Amino acid sequence: MLFSQKIGKKPIKIDIQIDSMDDDLRIALWNKLHVYIWEKIGSEYLSSTYYEDFIKCIWMDFFKYPLDKLDDWFPATFQIIKNWFFECQWYEVYDFIEFIVRIKTISAFNKEAFILECNKALEREISGYRLISDTICPITDNNEIKGIEDALRDSDKTIYKGVHTHLSTALSMLTDRKSSDYRNSIKESISAVESISKTISGDTKADLTKALKLIEDKVYIHPALKMGFTKIYGYTSDESGIRHAMFEEKDITFADAKYMLVSCSAFISYLIDKANKANLFL
């Protein structure tokens, strides 16, 4: 995140790849194909490998090319596939990966390992999609991204400085491709809710549960929302407000951290809207 974004001078871009694919992600997926398929064929004639039917299936059923144009010398065929892969549209890459995992003509292809490694690449490069079984599925949509952006915009005021800082930090930890930190992203997301709750309640020492009770004296909060965030707070904290329960979880994933950031962002925008309508800070 740029300095200008951290201090609110420039809007923060939610860097989750939904309608695009950058070079790092495309190359990462190509490398998985290379490890699990291309290098196993090597510089061989297809007719002398276990992969002949596999490549024929790709050639005929995915590319829709005439079979008599398939070169038995794999390096020539490989170059055609590679050129297409790096020139095609981002969504066609996903079409190709999906097609690959659905081919059933070869036992030498370790599909389960390939899917696992593709998902690692998709997570590392902050893709909005994952391979679930043999299908590319969205795990993020534009509405979720807009919700985060709205909360960042709504909290970009002096009175909500702490809220904005926690949200910005949570987002940075979630989308940092070099050193993502999902556990602490969750911590920052819930800290943002604590901060907005303390600000609106007027009690800077209150924990989230107490602050939400105090807020009810000033603005109406739907009971289901209040209960939901009280339970989320219980997940991330013990009775003393010390966050350790969350850290006992073995596997905190991008999906966990993203869900928390989206949920907390929506609740923050909700509370700010309630405070504005009640003229609390005019």
Protein backbone atom coordinates (compact mmCIF):
# COMPACT_ATOMS: atom_id res chain seq x y z
CA MET A 1 0.00 0.00 0.00
CA LEU A 2 1.34 3.42 -0.96
CA PHE A 3 2.06 6.06 1.68
CA SER A 4 -0.50 8.36 0.08
CA GLN A 5 -3.13 5.63 0.44
CA LYS A 6 -2.26 4.99 4.09
CA ILE A 7 -2.83 8.63 4.99
CA GLY A 8 -6.01 8.90 2.93
CA LYS A 9 -4.69 11.15 0.15
CA LYS A 10 -5.37 8.58 -2.56
CA PRO A 11 -8.12 5.92 -2.68
CA ILE A 12 -7.08 2.41 -1.74
CA LYS A 13 -7.33 -0.11 -4.57
CA ILE A 14 -8.66 -3.49 -3.51
CA ASP A 15 -6.08 -5.67 -5.19
CA ILE A 16 -8.08 -8.89 -5.54
CA GLN A 17 -8.00 -10.26 -9.09
CA ILE A 18 -11.57 -10.80 -10.25
CA ASP A 19 -11.93 -9.30 -13.73
CA SER A 20 -8.30 -9.59 -14.72
CA MET A 21 -5.13 -11.67 -14.37
CA ASP A 22 -1.69 -10.13 -13.98
CA ASP A 23 1.52 -11.65 -15.29
CA ASP A 24 2.50 -13.11 -11.91
CA LEU A 25 -0.71 -15.11 -11.64
CA ARG A 26 -0.65 -16.26 -15.27
CA ILE A 27 2.96 -17.39 -14.95
CA ALA A 28 2.27 -19.14 -11.65
CA LEU A 29 -0.50 -21.22 -13.23
CA TRP A 30 1.63 -21.95 -16.28
CA ASN A 31 4.41 -23.20 -13.99
CA LYS A 32 2.00 -25.65 -12.35
CA LEU A 33 1.08 -26.97 -15.80
CA HIS A 34 4.77 -27.23 -16.62
CA VAL A 35 5.61 -29.22 -13.47
CA TYR A 36 2.66 -31.61 -13.66
CA ILE A 37 2.35 -32.08 -17.44
CA TRP A 38 4.73 -30.41 -19.88
CA GLU A 39 8.07 -31.40 -18.35
CA LYS A 40 6.87 -34.98 -17.90
CA ILE A 41 6.40 -35.21 -21.67
CA GLY A 42 9.67 -33.44 -22.39
CA SER A 43 11.24 -33.56 -25.86
CA GLU A 44 9.46 -36.69 -26.96
CA TYR A 45 7.17 -37.87 -29.69
CA LEU A 46 3.66 -37.90 -28.26
CA SER A 47 3.03 -41.33 -29.71
CA SER A 48 5.81 -42.69 -27.49
CA THR A 49 4.45 -41.25 -24.22
CA TYR A 50 1.55 -41.87 -21.87
CA TYR A 51 0.30 -38.38 -22.69
CA GLU A 52 -0.73 -38.87 -26.31
CA ASP A 53 -4.47 -39.16 -25.62
CA PHE A 54 -4.23 -36.35 -23.07
CA ILE A 55 -2.77 -33.89 -25.60
CA LYS A 56 -5.11 -35.09 -28.33
CA CYS A 57 -8.04 -34.33 -26.02
CA ILE A 58 -6.76 -30.78 -25.45
CA TRP A 59 -6.09 -30.29 -29.16
CA MET A 60 -9.46 -31.54 -30.41
CA ASP A 61 -11.89 -30.74 -27.62
CA PHE A 62 -10.51 -27.55 -26.11
CA PHE A 63 -8.80 -25.80 -29.01
CA LYS A 64 -11.06 -27.40 -31.64
CA TYR A 65 -8.06 -27.84 -33.94
CA PRO A 66 -7.96 -30.46 -36.74
CA LEU A 67 -6.29 -33.60 -35.44
CA ASP A 68 -4.21 -33.96 -38.61
CA LYS A 69 -2.55 -30.64 -37.70
CA LEU A 70 -1.27 -32.01 -34.37
CA ASP A 71 2.51 -32.40 -34.53
CA ASP A 72 3.66 -35.66 -32.96
CA TRP A 73 6.92 -33.92 -31.99
CA PHE A 74 5.84 -32.42 -28.67
CA PRO A 75 8.16 -29.37 -28.57
CA ALA A 76 6.34 -28.02 -31.65
CA THR A 77 2.91 -28.62 -30.12
CA PHE A 78 4.10 -27.25 -26.78
CA GLN A 79 5.07 -23.94 -28.38
CA ILE A 80 1.61 -23.55 -29.93
CA ILE A 81 -0.06 -24.16 -26.55
CA LYS A 82 2.34 -21.82 -24.75
CA ASN A 83 1.83 -19.00 -27.26
CA TRP A 84 -1.93 -19.31 -26.87
CA PHE A 85 -1.75 -19.42 -23.06
CA PHE A 86 0.20 -16.17 -22.77
CA GLU A 87 -1.89 -14.33 -25.35
CA CYS A 88 -5.41 -15.44 -24.42
CA GLN A 89 -7.93 -13.58 -22.27
CA TRP A 90 -7.68 -13.99 -18.48
CA TYR A 91 -10.91 -15.98 -18.30
CA GLU A 92 -9.68 -18.36 -21.00
CA VAL A 93 -6.79 -19.33 -18.74
CA TYR A 94 -9.35 -20.45 -16.17
CA ASP A 95 -11.28 -22.28 -18.91
CA PHE A 96 -8.07 -24.12 -19.79
CA ILE A 97 -7.21 -25.07 -16.19
CA GLU A 98 -10.76 -26.28 -15.64
CA PHE A 99 -10.62 -28.35 -18.84
CA ILE A 100 -7.30 -29.91 -17.80
CA VAL A 101 -8.58 -31.18 -14.46
CA ARG A 102 -11.64 -32.70 -16.14
CA ILE A 103 -9.66 -34.89 -18.55
CA LYS A 104 -9.95 -38.53 -17.56
CA THR A 105 -7.74 -40.13 -20.20
CA ILE A 106 -4.47 -40.42 -18.26
CA SER A 107 -3.55 -42.03 -14.97
CA ALA A 108 -0.07 -40.46 -14.89
CA PHE A 109 -1.54 -37.00 -14.20
CA ASN A 110 -1.79 -36.35 -10.45
CA LYS A 111 -4.95 -34.26 -10.54
CA GLU A 112 -5.31 -33.87 -6.77
CA ALA A 113 -1.78 -32.53 -6.36
CA PHE A 114 -2.23 -30.24 -9.37
CA ILE A 115 -5.42 -28.76 -7.91
CA LEU A 116 -3.73 -28.22 -4.54
CA GLU A 117 -0.77 -26.44 -6.12
CA CYS A 118 -3.00 -24.31 -8.36
CA ASN A 119 -4.97 -23.20 -5.33
CA LYS A 120 -1.76 -22.24 -3.54
CA ALA A 121 -0.85 -20.07 -6.54
CA LEU A 122 -4.34 -18.56 -6.70
CA GLU A 123 -4.23 -17.69 -3.01
CA ARG A 124 -0.68 -16.33 -3.10
CA GLU A 125 -1.46 -14.06 -6.06
CA ILE A 126 -4.75 -12.86 -4.52
CA SER A 127 -7.06 -14.32 -7.13
CA GLY A 128 -10.78 -14.08 -6.50
CA TYR A 129 -11.18 -17.72 -7.59
CA ARG A 130 -10.31 -21.21 -6.39
CA LEU A 131 -10.43 -24.71 -7.86
CA ILE A 132 -13.06 -26.72 -6.02
CA SER A 133 -13.00 -30.28 -7.31
CA ASP A 134 -12.91 -29.74 -11.09
CA THR A 135 -14.54 -26.30 -11.17
CA ILE A 136 -13.16 -22.76 -10.91
CA CYS A 137 -15.36 -21.03 -8.35
CA PRO A 138 -15.51 -17.35 -7.33
CA ILE A 139 -14.71 -16.66 -3.68
CA THR A 140 -14.96 -12.88 -4.03
CA ASP A 141 -17.32 -10.64 -5.96
CA ASN A 142 -17.49 -6.96 -6.83
CA ASN A 143 -20.11 -6.29 -4.15
CA GLU A 144 -17.71 -7.50 -1.46
CA ILE A 145 -14.96 -5.29 -2.79
CA LYS A 146 -17.31 -2.31 -2.96
CA GLY A 147 -18.27 -2.95 0.68
CA ILE A 148 -14.63 -2.69 1.77
CA GLU A 149 -14.07 0.41 -0.36
CA ASP A 150 -17.22 2.04 1.06
CA ALA A 151 -16.07 1.42 4.64
CA LEU A 152 -12.63 2.87 3.89
CA ARG A 153 -14.25 5.94 2.34
CA ASP A 154 -16.83 6.34 5.12
CA SER A 155 -14.17 6.11 7.84
CA ASP A 156 -11.78 8.54 6.16
CA LYS A 157 -12.56 11.31 8.65
CA THR A 158 -10.57 12.61 11.59
CA ILE A 159 -13.02 11.28 14.16
CA TYR A 160 -12.74 7.78 12.68
CA LYS A 161 -8.97 7.85 12.17
CA GLY A 162 -8.43 4.69 14.23
CA VAL A 163 -11.12 2.83 12.30
CA HIS A 164 -9.58 3.78 8.97
CA THR A 165 -6.12 2.75 10.12
CA HIS A 166 -7.28 -0.68 11.31
CA LEU A 167 -9.22 -1.31 8.09
CA SER A 168 -6.31 -0.22 5.91
CA THR A 169 -3.95 -2.46 7.85
CA ALA A 170 -6.33 -5.43 7.63
CA LEU A 171 -6.57 -4.96 3.87
CA SER A 172 -2.81 -4.62 3.50
CA MET A 173 -2.19 -7.82 5.49
CA LEU A 174 -4.80 -9.67 3.44
CA THR A 175 -3.52 -8.68 0.01
CA ASP A 176 0.24 -8.52 0.56
CA ARG A 177 1.52 -11.02 -2.01
CA LYS A 178 4.98 -11.21 -0.47
CA SER A 179 4.02 -11.63 3.17
CA SER A 180 0.28 -12.02 3.77
CA ASP A 181 -0.81 -12.29 7.41
CA TYR A 182 -4.34 -13.65 7.64
CA ARG A 183 -4.45 -14.01 11.43
CA ASN A 184 -3.48 -10.41 12.08
CA SER A 185 -5.70 -9.21 9.24
CA ILE A 186 -8.63 -10.71 11.17
CA LYS A 187 -7.39 -9.01 14.32
CA GLU A 188 -7.24 -5.64 12.58
CA SER A 189 -10.72 -6.08 11.08
CA ILE A 190 -12.34 -6.71 14.45
CA SER A 191 -10.22 -3.92 15.98
CA ALA A 192 -11.76 -1.58 13.42
CA VAL A 193 -15.22 -2.53 14.67
CA GLU A 194 -14.08 -2.00 18.26
CA SER A 195 -12.74 1.42 17.33
CA ILE A 196 -15.96 2.60 15.65
CA SER A 197 -18.00 1.22 18.54
CA LYS A 198 -15.89 3.04 21.14
CA THR A 199 -16.09 6.28 19.16
CA ILE A 200 -19.86 6.20 18.81
CA SER A 201 -20.48 4.99 22.39
CA GLY A 202 -18.20 7.66 23.85
CA ASP A 203 -16.42 5.12 26.08
CA THR A 204 -12.85 4.64 24.90
CA LYS A 205 -12.21 1.90 27.47
CA ALA A 206 -15.22 -0.26 26.63
CA ASP A 207 -14.78 -3.61 24.91
CA LEU A 208 -16.93 -4.35 21.89
CA THR A 209 -19.75 -6.00 23.82
CA LYS A 210 -20.08 -3.11 26.27
CA ALA A 211 -19.69 -0.49 23.54
CA LEU A 212 -22.51 -2.00 21.49
CA LYS A 213 -24.79 -1.88 24.54
CA LEU A 214 -23.95 1.80 25.03
CA ILE A 215 -24.55 2.57 21.36
CA GLU A 216 -28.08 1.21 21.65
CA ASP A 217 -28.89 4.21 23.85
CA LYS A 218 -28.05 6.49 20.93
CA VAL A 219 -28.96 4.60 17.75
CA TYR A 220 -30.97 1.50 16.92
CA ILE A 221 -28.96 -1.61 16.09
CA HIS A 222 -30.73 -4.65 14.76
CA PRO A 223 -30.50 -7.38 17.45
CA ALA A 224 -29.27 -9.99 14.96
CA LEU A 225 -26.37 -7.76 13.91
CA LYS A 226 -25.46 -7.03 17.50
CA MET A 227 -25.56 -10.71 18.41
CA GLY A 228 -23.54 -11.67 15.34
CA PHE A 229 -20.69 -9.31 16.11
CA THR A 230 -20.73 -10.18 19.78
CA LYS A 231 -20.17 -13.80 18.78
CA ILE A 232 -17.45 -12.83 16.32
CA TYR A 233 -15.75 -10.93 19.13
CA GLY A 234 -15.96 -14.05 21.25
CA TYR A 235 -14.21 -15.98 18.48
CA THR A 236 -11.32 -13.56 18.40
CA SER A 237 -11.02 -12.86 22.14
CA ASP A 238 -11.36 -14.39 25.57
CA GLU A 239 -13.36 -12.85 28.42
CA SER A 240 -10.56 -10.40 29.19
CA GLY A 241 -10.47 -9.07 25.66
CA ILE A 242 -7.11 -10.71 24.99
CA ARG A 243 -6.99 -12.16 21.51
CA HIS A 244 -5.75 -15.69 21.64
CA ALA A 245 -8.76 -17.89 20.81
CA MET A 246 -8.36 -17.09 17.13
CA PHE A 247 -4.69 -18.02 17.19
CA GLU A 248 -5.49 -21.53 18.37
CA GLU A 249 -6.96 -22.26 14.94
CA LYS A 250 -4.51 -24.32 12.89
CA ASP A 251 -5.42 -23.07 9.44
CA ILE A 252 -6.44 -19.45 8.99
CA THR A 253 -6.96 -18.90 5.27
CA PHE A 254 -7.48 -16.06 2.83
CA ALA A 255 -11.19 -16.91 2.83
CA ASP A 256 -11.38 -16.53 6.64
CA ALA A 257 -9.61 -13.17 6.63
CA LYS A 258 -11.55 -11.90 3.63
CA TYR A 259 -14.87 -12.88 5.22
CA MET A 260 -13.95 -11.02 8.40
CA LEU A 261 -12.86 -7.92 6.49
CA VAL A 262 -16.00 -7.86 4.35
CA SER A 263 -18.28 -8.44 7.36
CA CYS A 264 -16.57 -5.85 9.54
CA SER A 265 -16.52 -3.32 6.69
CA ALA A 266 -20.26 -3.69 6.19
CA PHE A 267 -20.95 -3.30 9.92
CA ILE A 268 -18.71 -0.22 10.13
CA SER A 269 -20.52 1.48 7.24
CA TYR A 270 -23.81 0.53 8.92
CA LEU A 271 -22.79 2.13 12.23
CA ILE A 272 -21.41 5.26 10.57
CA ASP A 273 -24.66 5.68 8.64
CA LYS A 274 -26.64 5.28 11.88
CA ALA A 275 -24.45 7.84 13.64
CA ASN A 276 -24.80 10.30 10.76
CA LYS A 277 -28.59 10.00 10.71
CA ALA A 278 -28.66 10.56 14.48
CA ASN A 279 -26.48 13.68 14.03
CA LEU A 280 -24.06 12.40 16.65
CA PHE A 281 -20.97 14.13 15.32
CA LEU A 282 -22.32 17.30 13.72
